[in-house]
Protein backbone atom coordinates (compact mmCIF):
# COMPACT_ATOMS: atom_id res chain seq x y z
CA VAL A 1 30.10 -87.30 122.98
CA ARG A 2 33.37 -88.11 125.01
CA ILE A 3 34.54 -84.06 127.05
CA ARG A 4 37.41 -84.56 129.26
CA GLY A 5 37.46 -87.98 129.80
CA HIS A 6 33.51 -87.94 130.84
CA HIS A 7 31.29 -89.80 128.35
CA LEU A 8 27.72 -87.30 127.09
CA SER A 9 25.16 -88.40 125.26
CA ASN A 10 24.79 -86.85 122.05
CA LEU A 11 22.36 -84.49 123.25
CA ASP A 12 24.37 -83.24 125.82
CA LEU A 13 25.60 -80.01 125.23
CA ASN A 14 26.63 -79.88 129.32
CA PRO A 15 29.94 -80.61 130.20
CA LYS A 16 31.33 -79.25 133.22
CA VAL A 17 33.36 -76.41 131.54
CA GLU A 18 35.92 -74.67 133.80
CA PRO A 19 33.70 -71.69 135.31
CA PHE A 20 35.00 -67.63 135.12
CA PRO A 21 36.38 -67.17 138.33
CA SER A 22 35.52 -63.81 140.18
CA PRO A 23 34.81 -61.35 139.96
CA PHE A 24 33.91 -62.40 136.18
CA ASN A 25 31.36 -64.89 137.45
CA ILE A 26 28.36 -62.46 138.65
CA ASN A 27 25.94 -65.03 139.54
CA PRO A 28 27.44 -68.59 139.77
CA LYS A 29 23.43 -69.68 139.69
CA ARG A 30 22.18 -68.05 136.99
CA CYS A 31 20.12 -69.94 134.54
CA VAL A 32 20.18 -68.44 131.11
CA THR A 33 17.02 -69.25 129.03
CA GLY A 34 17.16 -66.67 125.81
CA PHE A 35 19.81 -64.92 123.72
CA PHE A 36 19.63 -62.00 121.24
CA HIS A 37 22.39 -60.71 118.52
CA VAL A 38 24.08 -57.46 119.78
CA GLY A 39 26.37 -57.12 116.18
CA CYS A 40 29.54 -58.26 114.28
CA VAL A 41 32.33 -57.15 116.62
CA ASN A 42 36.23 -57.20 116.99
CA ASN A 43 36.32 -58.28 120.29
CA VAL A 44 40.26 -58.06 121.57
CA GLN A 45 39.20 -59.54 125.31
CA LEU A 46 41.39 -62.98 125.07
CA GLN A 47 41.69 -63.84 128.70
CA GLN A 48 38.50 -64.90 129.62
CA GLN A 49 36.91 -67.23 127.01
CA ARG A 50 35.76 -70.96 126.85
CA LYS A 51 36.29 -72.29 123.27
CA TYR A 52 34.15 -75.48 122.15
CA ARG A 53 36.91 -76.21 120.23
CA ASP A 54 38.96 -76.67 123.16
CA ILE A 55 36.59 -78.76 125.44
CA VAL A 56 34.86 -81.21 122.71
CA PRO A 57 37.33 -83.77 121.03
CA LYS A 58 37.36 -83.26 117.76
CA GLU A 59 35.49 -86.13 116.43
CA ASP A 60 32.87 -85.61 118.73
CA ARG A 61 32.26 -82.10 117.07
CA LYS A 62 29.52 -81.00 115.40
CA PRO A 63 29.19 -78.82 112.85
CA MET A 64 28.65 -74.76 113.78
CA THR A 65 25.18 -73.32 114.38
CA VAL A 66 24.22 -70.41 116.50
CA GLU A 67 21.55 -72.78 118.31
CA LEU A 68 24.68 -74.98 118.55
CA CYS A 69 27.17 -72.47 120.97
CA TRP A 70 24.20 -71.03 122.66
CA GLU A 71 23.53 -74.58 123.90
CA PHE A 72 27.35 -75.24 124.61
CA CYS A 73 27.46 -72.08 126.38
CA LYS A 74 24.61 -71.46 128.44
CA ASN A 75 25.38 -73.40 131.28
CA VAL A 76 29.43 -72.68 131.60
CA SER A 77 28.97 -70.17 134.75
CA GLY A 78 29.90 -67.34 134.65
CA ALA A 79 28.94 -66.66 130.72
CA GLN A 80 26.77 -63.72 129.43
CA PHE A 81 28.09 -63.76 125.89
CA PHE A 82 29.10 -66.21 123.42
CA SER A 83 30.93 -65.23 120.18
CA LEU A 84 31.21 -66.76 116.75
CA ARG A 85 33.84 -66.83 113.53
CA ARG A 86 34.89 -68.46 110.77
CA GLY A 87 32.13 -70.39 110.23
CA ASP A 88 33.00 -73.38 113.21
CA ARG A 89 34.02 -71.53 116.14
CA CYS A 90 32.62 -70.99 119.19
CA ALA A 91 33.45 -69.36 122.52
CA CYS A 92 31.82 -67.91 125.91
CA LEU A 93 32.73 -65.40 127.44
CA PRO A 94 32.36 -63.26 130.80
CA HIS A 95 32.35 -59.92 129.11
CA TYR A 96 34.16 -58.94 126.12
CA HIS A 97 35.92 -55.65 124.86
CA ASP A 98 34.99 -53.88 120.99
CA ASN A 99 37.84 -52.10 119.50
CA HIS A 100 35.51 -51.15 116.49
CA ASP A 101 38.81 -51.83 114.50
CA TYR A 102 36.60 -53.28 111.58
CA ALA A 103 39.15 -52.59 108.75
CA ASP A 104 35.95 -52.50 105.93
CA GLU A 105 35.54 -56.20 107.13
CA VAL A 106 31.80 -57.43 107.75
CA CYS A 107 30.65 -61.03 109.98
CA ASP A 108 29.93 -62.73 106.36
CA GLN A 109 31.18 -66.49 107.19
CA ARG A 110 27.91 -68.99 106.97
CA CYS A 111 27.64 -71.40 110.19
CA ASP A 112 28.97 -75.07 109.05
CA GLY A 113 25.86 -76.26 110.66
CA ASN A 114 23.12 -73.65 108.67
CA SER A 115 24.16 -71.79 105.45
CA GLY A 116 21.27 -69.71 107.03
CA GLN A 117 23.11 -68.03 109.92
CA THR A 118 26.04 -66.39 109.52
CA CYS A 119 29.30 -67.29 112.37
CA GLY A 120 31.19 -64.46 111.81
CA GLY A 121 33.95 -63.32 109.67
CA ILE A 122 37.45 -64.24 108.95
CA ARG A 123 38.61 -61.92 111.73
CA LEU A 124 34.98 -60.27 113.41
CA GLN A 125 33.00 -62.76 115.53
CA ASP A 126 29.28 -62.31 115.81
CA MET A 127 28.46 -61.48 119.41
CA TYR A 128 24.92 -62.86 121.56
CA GLU A 129 23.95 -61.84 124.96
CA MET A 130 22.84 -64.60 127.21
CA HIS A 131 20.25 -63.76 129.39
CA ASP A 132 17.67 -65.43 131.77
CA CYS A 133 13.97 -64.74 131.04
CA ASP A 134 12.25 -66.73 133.90
CA ASN A 135 14.18 -63.73 136.27
CA MET A 136 11.59 -61.57 136.36
CA PRO A 137 8.84 -60.73 139.66
CA PRO A 138 6.01 -62.47 137.78
CA VAL A 139 4.24 -59.43 138.94
CA PRO A 140 5.37 -55.70 138.12
CA CYS A 141 6.51 -53.36 140.49
CA LYS A 142 4.96 -51.03 142.34
CA ARG A 143 7.28 -47.90 142.97
CA PRO A 144 10.74 -47.74 141.59
CA PRO A 145 13.49 -48.40 143.49
CA SER A 146 15.45 -46.41 145.00
CA PRO A 147 17.74 -44.04 142.93
CA VAL A 148 21.01 -45.31 142.60
CA VAL A 149 23.78 -42.54 143.83
CA HIS A 150 25.02 -40.77 140.88
CA ALA A 151 23.07 -42.60 138.09
CA LYS A 152 21.37 -40.74 136.12
CA ASN A 153 17.65 -40.25 136.42
CA PHE A 154 15.06 -39.80 133.54
CA THR A 155 11.05 -39.97 133.34
CA SER A 156 9.56 -43.60 133.06
CA ARG A 157 6.37 -43.38 131.26
CA TYR A 158 5.53 -46.74 133.00
CA TYR A 159 5.74 -45.87 136.38
CA LYS A 160 2.63 -43.10 137.86
CA ASN A 161 3.61 -41.22 140.53
C-alpha cells in the first residue's frame, strides 16, 4: 500500500494523515479503542474531514466496510467520528453537524466490502463515534467531581451520599 509516497504493508492502516488542527483536536495523544453507531445523519460540516479516497491511492483501496473505515480513522489525530456514504466512502471528522434534512431518505447502501453492513445512503451518512475504552480509572470514583458552573445537576443512583 502506498500513501503519499510511503510504502505500507497491506495490514498497516495507520498512515501519517494530517492531524486536525486546534481547537478541533481535543487530545492529540488519545488512543481510540472502540466505536458505536450514532445513526443515519445528513452531515453538513464539510470543512474538517479526512477522506479515505483522498489519502489512499485508488489501486491500494480495499472494498469498504465499517471496520475498514474505523481502522483508517482511529489514528487520525483529533478524529472523534467517522462516517460512511454511498457504500464506499469513508471520512474521519472531529465533529459533525446534522441538519436533519433527510427528505425521506435512509442509509440503505450496502458496504462494498460487506453486504451485511450499511455504509450510508446516496446523500446521508452512517455516523459512528470513536472512544477510548481504556481511559477509565481502574476503580470507580469514591465521590463525584465538583459541580460544573451552570450545569444542571441530577441525583445519581451510583454515588451514595
